[in-house]
Amino acid sequence: MTIHRSHAAALATAVGFVLALSGCGGGGTDGELKAPTAGTPAASGTPAASGTASATPPAAGPSGTGDPAGAAGPTPTGPDDKGKATGGTDATTEDAYAYTHPCSARNLTVKVTSPQGFPATVRVVTVTNNGSTTCGLDFYPAVGFSAKGSALGIQATPPEGLGGAPAHPVRPGATTYAAVDLNPSGGGGPVADEINILADPSHMPNADGVSLPLATTGTVAKPRVGLYHFTARDSLDTL
């Protein structure tokens, strides 16, 4: 699979993204929201006993979540198979297709995890493409936080000096990862029990955002979000 560390000019438009959050205990997978049906904006998931929020099943296509601890996502097609510009292949599964075809929220499954072996302040957002064609995401998701149902008014800051291709491609069935550090400096701040994620702030309305519980709450102070990558470790390196 071609891994695009695409880094275009940082979004000038700040996402006025309100996060409605509710606490949840435990570790591992913090929360999950699958894609809504067509025409239905994504809503906050209702946390189950396990700390997973669920919603309407994806509209179409296979489901996959990958390894939240940073293992590579689903195996990409080979150089002579789909996803490459060889004779007789389906152009809709090539990376280039993503540059003019943004992802639809209804074809995505979004989760947040607390991978083992990562810093205690880090959570990892995973986005899986359940559609049948490659689609494009922004270079990073818009991420904010809430506590006890009230937005904290804090947005995670992306890396500076972005440049490169105009979209991060996600092939059918593939999962991409974005690391989020709630408190990089270990400073004081409010405690968040929920995270709100807009997978593609350049092309999706705020209504397509998802609110997911954090299995382990955390202090939020000057949070940062990494670039989308096909392993969580690679995304962590961009923080």
Protein backbone atom coordinates (compact mmCIF):
# COMPACT_ATOMS: atom_id res chain seq x y z
CA MET A 1 0.00 0.00 0.00
CA THR A 2 1.21 3.47 -0.77
CA ILE A 3 1.51 5.44 2.47
CA HIS A 4 0.99 9.13 1.85
CA ARG A 5 2.52 11.35 4.48
CA SER A 6 0.66 14.08 2.68
CA HIS A 7 1.06 17.35 4.37
CA ALA A 8 -0.87 20.24 2.71
CA ALA A 9 -1.14 23.77 4.06
CA ALA A 10 -2.66 23.64 7.54
CA LEU A 11 -6.34 24.35 7.58
CA ALA A 12 -6.92 28.04 7.91
CA THR A 13 -10.49 27.44 8.88
CA ALA A 14 -10.73 26.29 12.47
CA VAL A 15 -13.37 23.70 12.96
CA GLY A 16 -15.93 25.01 15.39
CA PHE A 17 -16.45 21.55 16.63
CA VAL A 18 -18.48 21.02 19.80
CA LEU A 19 -17.73 17.85 21.71
CA ALA A 20 -20.37 16.19 23.84
CA LEU A 21 -18.65 13.76 26.14
CA SER A 22 -19.46 11.13 28.79
CA GLY A 23 -17.01 9.13 30.94
CA CYS A 24 -16.23 5.44 30.70
CA GLY A 25 -13.90 3.21 32.69
CA GLY A 26 -11.40 0.63 31.52
CA GLY A 27 -8.70 0.53 28.87
CA GLY A 28 -8.16 -0.76 25.38
CA THR A 29 -10.78 0.47 22.94
CA ASP A 30 -12.27 3.68 24.33
CA GLY A 31 -15.13 4.25 21.94
CA GLU A 32 -16.43 3.38 18.52
CA LEU A 33 -18.92 4.87 16.11
CA LYS A 34 -19.79 3.21 12.83
CA ALA A 35 -20.97 5.08 9.79
CA PRO A 36 -24.62 6.18 9.78
CA THR A 37 -27.04 5.31 7.02
CA ALA A 38 -27.21 7.63 4.03
CA GLY A 39 -28.75 11.02 4.76
CA THR A 40 -28.43 10.60 8.53
CA PRO A 41 -25.79 12.77 10.24
CA ALA A 42 -23.51 10.95 12.66
CA ALA A 43 -24.61 11.36 16.25
CA SER A 44 -22.96 10.77 19.57
CA GLY A 45 -22.62 7.10 20.34
CA THR A 46 -24.16 5.62 23.48
CA PRO A 47 -21.42 3.95 25.53
CA ALA A 48 -22.03 0.30 26.30
CA ALA A 49 -20.80 -1.49 29.39
CA SER A 50 -17.55 -2.29 27.64
CA GLY A 51 -16.82 1.36 26.88
CA THR A 52 -17.80 1.10 23.21
CA ALA A 53 -20.25 3.50 21.58
CA SER A 54 -22.18 2.09 18.66
CA ALA A 55 -24.36 3.53 15.92
CA THR A 56 -26.08 2.45 12.73
CA PRO A 57 -24.03 -0.16 10.80
CA PRO A 58 -22.04 1.02 7.75
CA ALA A 59 -23.99 1.52 4.55
CA ALA A 60 -21.84 -0.80 2.49
CA GLY A 61 -18.55 -2.57 2.14
CA PRO A 62 -16.35 -4.62 4.49
CA SER A 63 -15.41 -3.53 7.97
CA GLY A 64 -11.93 -3.42 9.42
CA THR A 65 -10.31 -1.72 12.37
CA GLY A 66 -6.64 -2.64 12.06
CA ASP A 67 -4.26 -2.82 14.99
CA PRO A 68 -4.64 0.15 17.38
CA ALA A 69 -1.18 -0.47 18.76
CA GLY A 70 0.36 0.50 15.46
CA ALA A 71 0.56 -2.61 13.33
CA ALA A 72 0.08 -2.05 9.63
CA GLY A 73 -3.50 -1.89 8.40
CA PRO A 74 -5.09 -4.37 5.98
CA THR A 75 -2.68 -5.69 3.38
CA PRO A 76 -2.74 -3.44 0.31
CA THR A 77 -3.13 -4.79 -3.17
CA GLY A 78 0.05 -5.70 -5.01
CA PRO A 79 1.68 -3.73 -7.80
CA ASP A 80 -0.15 -5.76 -10.46
CA ASP A 81 -3.50 -5.73 -8.69
CA LYS A 82 -6.03 -3.03 -7.86
CA GLY A 83 -4.69 0.27 -6.61
CA LYS A 84 -1.97 0.52 -9.26
CA ALA A 85 -2.16 1.93 -12.74
CA THR A 86 -1.71 -1.34 -14.58
CA GLY A 87 -3.78 -2.54 -17.51
CA GLY A 88 -7.31 -3.59 -16.67
CA THR A 89 -7.28 -2.36 -13.06
CA ASP A 90 -10.05 -0.41 -11.38
CA ALA A 91 -9.01 3.22 -11.21
CA THR A 92 -11.43 3.86 -8.33
CA THR A 93 -9.17 1.88 -5.99
CA GLU A 94 -6.03 3.83 -6.90
CA ASP A 95 -4.63 6.42 -4.50
CA ALA A 96 -5.03 9.17 -7.10
CA TYR A 97 -8.80 8.64 -7.02
CA ALA A 98 -8.83 10.00 -3.46
CA TYR A 99 -7.59 13.41 -4.56
CA THR A 100 -10.92 14.21 -6.18
CA HIS A 101 -13.19 11.95 -4.11
CA PRO A 102 -13.40 12.83 -0.41
CA CYS A 103 -14.58 10.15 2.00
CA SER A 104 -18.26 10.03 2.93
CA ALA A 105 -19.04 9.81 6.64
CA ARG A 106 -21.57 7.06 5.94
CA ASN A 107 -18.77 4.80 4.68
CA LEU A 108 -16.47 5.28 7.67
CA THR A 109 -16.10 3.62 11.05
CA VAL A 110 -14.41 5.83 13.63
CA LYS A 111 -12.95 4.60 16.93
CA VAL A 112 -10.67 5.88 19.66
CA THR A 113 -8.28 3.58 21.52
CA SER A 114 -5.65 3.64 24.26
CA PRO A 115 -2.92 1.39 22.81
CA GLN A 116 -0.57 -0.45 25.14
CA GLY A 117 3.00 0.74 24.95
CA PHE A 118 2.01 4.33 24.12
CA PRO A 119 2.38 7.28 26.51
CA ALA A 120 -0.45 7.48 29.05
CA THR A 121 -1.60 10.80 27.60
CA VAL A 122 -1.96 9.45 24.05
CA ARG A 123 -5.13 8.18 22.43
CA VAL A 124 -5.33 6.92 18.85
CA VAL A 125 -8.17 7.72 16.45
CA THR A 126 -8.81 5.00 13.85
CA VAL A 127 -10.81 5.55 10.67
CA THR A 128 -11.80 2.59 8.49
CA ASN A 129 -13.07 2.92 4.92
CA ASN A 130 -16.03 0.56 4.53
CA GLY A 131 -16.75 1.72 0.98
CA SER A 132 -15.86 0.01 -2.29
CA THR A 133 -13.62 2.80 -3.63
CA THR A 134 -10.59 4.68 -2.39
CA CYS A 135 -11.47 7.98 -0.76
CA GLY A 136 -9.57 10.99 0.55
CA LEU A 137 -9.34 12.42 4.07
CA ASP A 138 -7.78 15.59 5.36
CA PHE A 139 -4.25 15.22 6.62
CA TYR A 140 -5.56 14.95 10.19
CA PRO A 141 -8.94 14.86 11.94
CA ALA A 142 -10.42 17.74 13.90
CA VAL A 143 -10.34 16.74 17.57
CA GLY A 144 -11.86 18.36 20.65
CA PHE A 145 -12.88 17.33 24.14
CA SER A 146 -15.71 17.52 26.65
CA ALA A 147 -16.31 16.74 30.29
CA LYS A 148 -19.62 15.64 31.80
CA GLY A 149 -21.45 16.65 28.66
CA SER A 150 -19.96 20.13 28.39
CA ALA A 151 -17.48 21.14 25.71
CA LEU A 152 -14.11 22.22 27.06
CA GLY A 153 -13.55 24.56 24.13
CA ILE A 154 -10.13 23.04 23.47
CA GLN A 155 -9.05 21.85 20.02
CA ALA A 156 -6.04 19.62 19.36
CA THR A 157 -3.34 21.41 17.34
CA PRO A 158 -1.93 19.71 14.20
CA PRO A 159 1.71 19.74 13.09
CA GLU A 160 2.99 22.92 11.47
CA GLY A 161 4.45 23.43 8.00
CA LEU A 162 2.24 20.97 6.17
CA GLY A 163 2.65 20.46 2.45
CA GLY A 164 2.30 17.79 -0.19
CA ALA A 165 -0.52 15.95 -1.92
CA PRO A 166 -4.06 17.32 -1.50
CA ALA A 167 -5.51 14.31 0.34
CA HIS A 168 -4.69 11.29 2.46
CA PRO A 169 -5.96 8.24 0.51
CA VAL A 170 -7.70 5.36 2.26
CA ARG A 171 -8.32 2.30 0.12
CA PRO A 172 -11.40 0.06 0.48
CA GLY A 173 -11.22 -1.90 3.74
CA ALA A 174 -8.13 -0.03 4.95
CA THR A 175 -7.74 1.70 8.31
CA THR A 176 -5.80 4.86 8.96
CA TYR A 177 -4.59 6.18 12.32
CA ALA A 178 -4.18 9.59 13.97
CA ALA A 179 -2.44 9.86 17.35
CA VAL A 180 -3.75 12.44 19.83
CA ASP A 181 -1.74 13.62 22.83
CA LEU A 182 -4.09 15.08 25.42
CA ASN A 183 -1.35 16.67 27.48
CA PRO A 184 2.11 16.70 25.85
CA SER A 185 3.75 18.81 28.58
CA GLY A 186 2.06 17.22 31.59
CA GLY A 187 0.56 20.54 32.65
CA GLY A 188 -2.61 21.16 34.59
CA GLY A 189 -6.00 21.42 32.91
CA PRO A 190 -9.57 20.13 32.85
CA VAL A 191 -10.23 16.39 32.76
CA ALA A 192 -11.93 15.10 29.60
CA ASP A 193 -14.14 12.02 29.57
CA GLU A 194 -15.12 12.17 25.91
CA ILE A 195 -13.50 13.02 22.61
CA ASN A 196 -15.20 14.44 19.53
CA ILE A 197 -13.81 13.66 16.09
CA LEU A 198 -14.50 15.04 12.63
CA ALA A 199 -12.65 12.72 10.28
CA ASP A 200 -12.38 15.18 7.36
CA PRO A 201 -12.89 18.79 8.48
CA SER A 202 -12.22 20.17 4.99
CA HIS A 203 -15.17 18.36 3.39
CA MET A 204 -17.52 17.20 6.16
CA PRO A 205 -20.05 19.31 8.06
CA ASN A 206 -19.90 19.34 11.85
CA ALA A 207 -22.98 17.09 11.87
CA ASP A 208 -20.76 14.26 10.60
CA GLY A 209 -18.66 14.41 13.75
CA VAL A 210 -18.74 11.60 16.31
CA SER A 211 -18.56 11.82 20.10
CA LEU A 212 -16.89 8.85 21.77
CA PRO A 213 -16.25 8.05 25.45
CA LEU A 214 -12.72 7.81 26.77
CA ALA A 215 -12.30 4.57 28.70
CA THR A 216 -9.54 6.31 30.64
CA THR A 217 -10.16 9.99 31.33
CA GLY A 218 -7.27 12.39 30.98
CA THR A 219 -6.17 15.92 31.75
CA VAL A 220 -6.27 18.10 28.64
CA ALA A 221 -3.67 20.83 28.25
CA LYS A 222 -2.41 22.09 24.88
CA PRO A 223 -3.41 18.83 23.11
CA ARG A 224 -1.91 17.87 19.76
CA VAL A 225 -3.13 15.66 16.91
CA GLY A 226 -0.79 13.83 14.55
CA LEU A 227 -1.14 13.27 10.83
CA TYR A 228 -3.08 10.34 9.43
CA HIS A 229 -0.82 7.35 8.79
CA PHE A 230 -1.34 3.65 8.22
CA THR A 231 0.26 2.77 11.55
CA ALA A 232 -0.35 4.46 14.88
CA ARG A 233 3.40 4.61 15.52
CA ASP A 234 3.99 6.62 12.36
CA SER A 235 1.27 9.05 13.35
CA LEU A 236 2.72 9.34 16.86
CA ASP A 237 6.04 10.38 15.32
CA THR A 238 4.37 13.42 13.73
CA LEU A 239 3.18 14.91 17.01
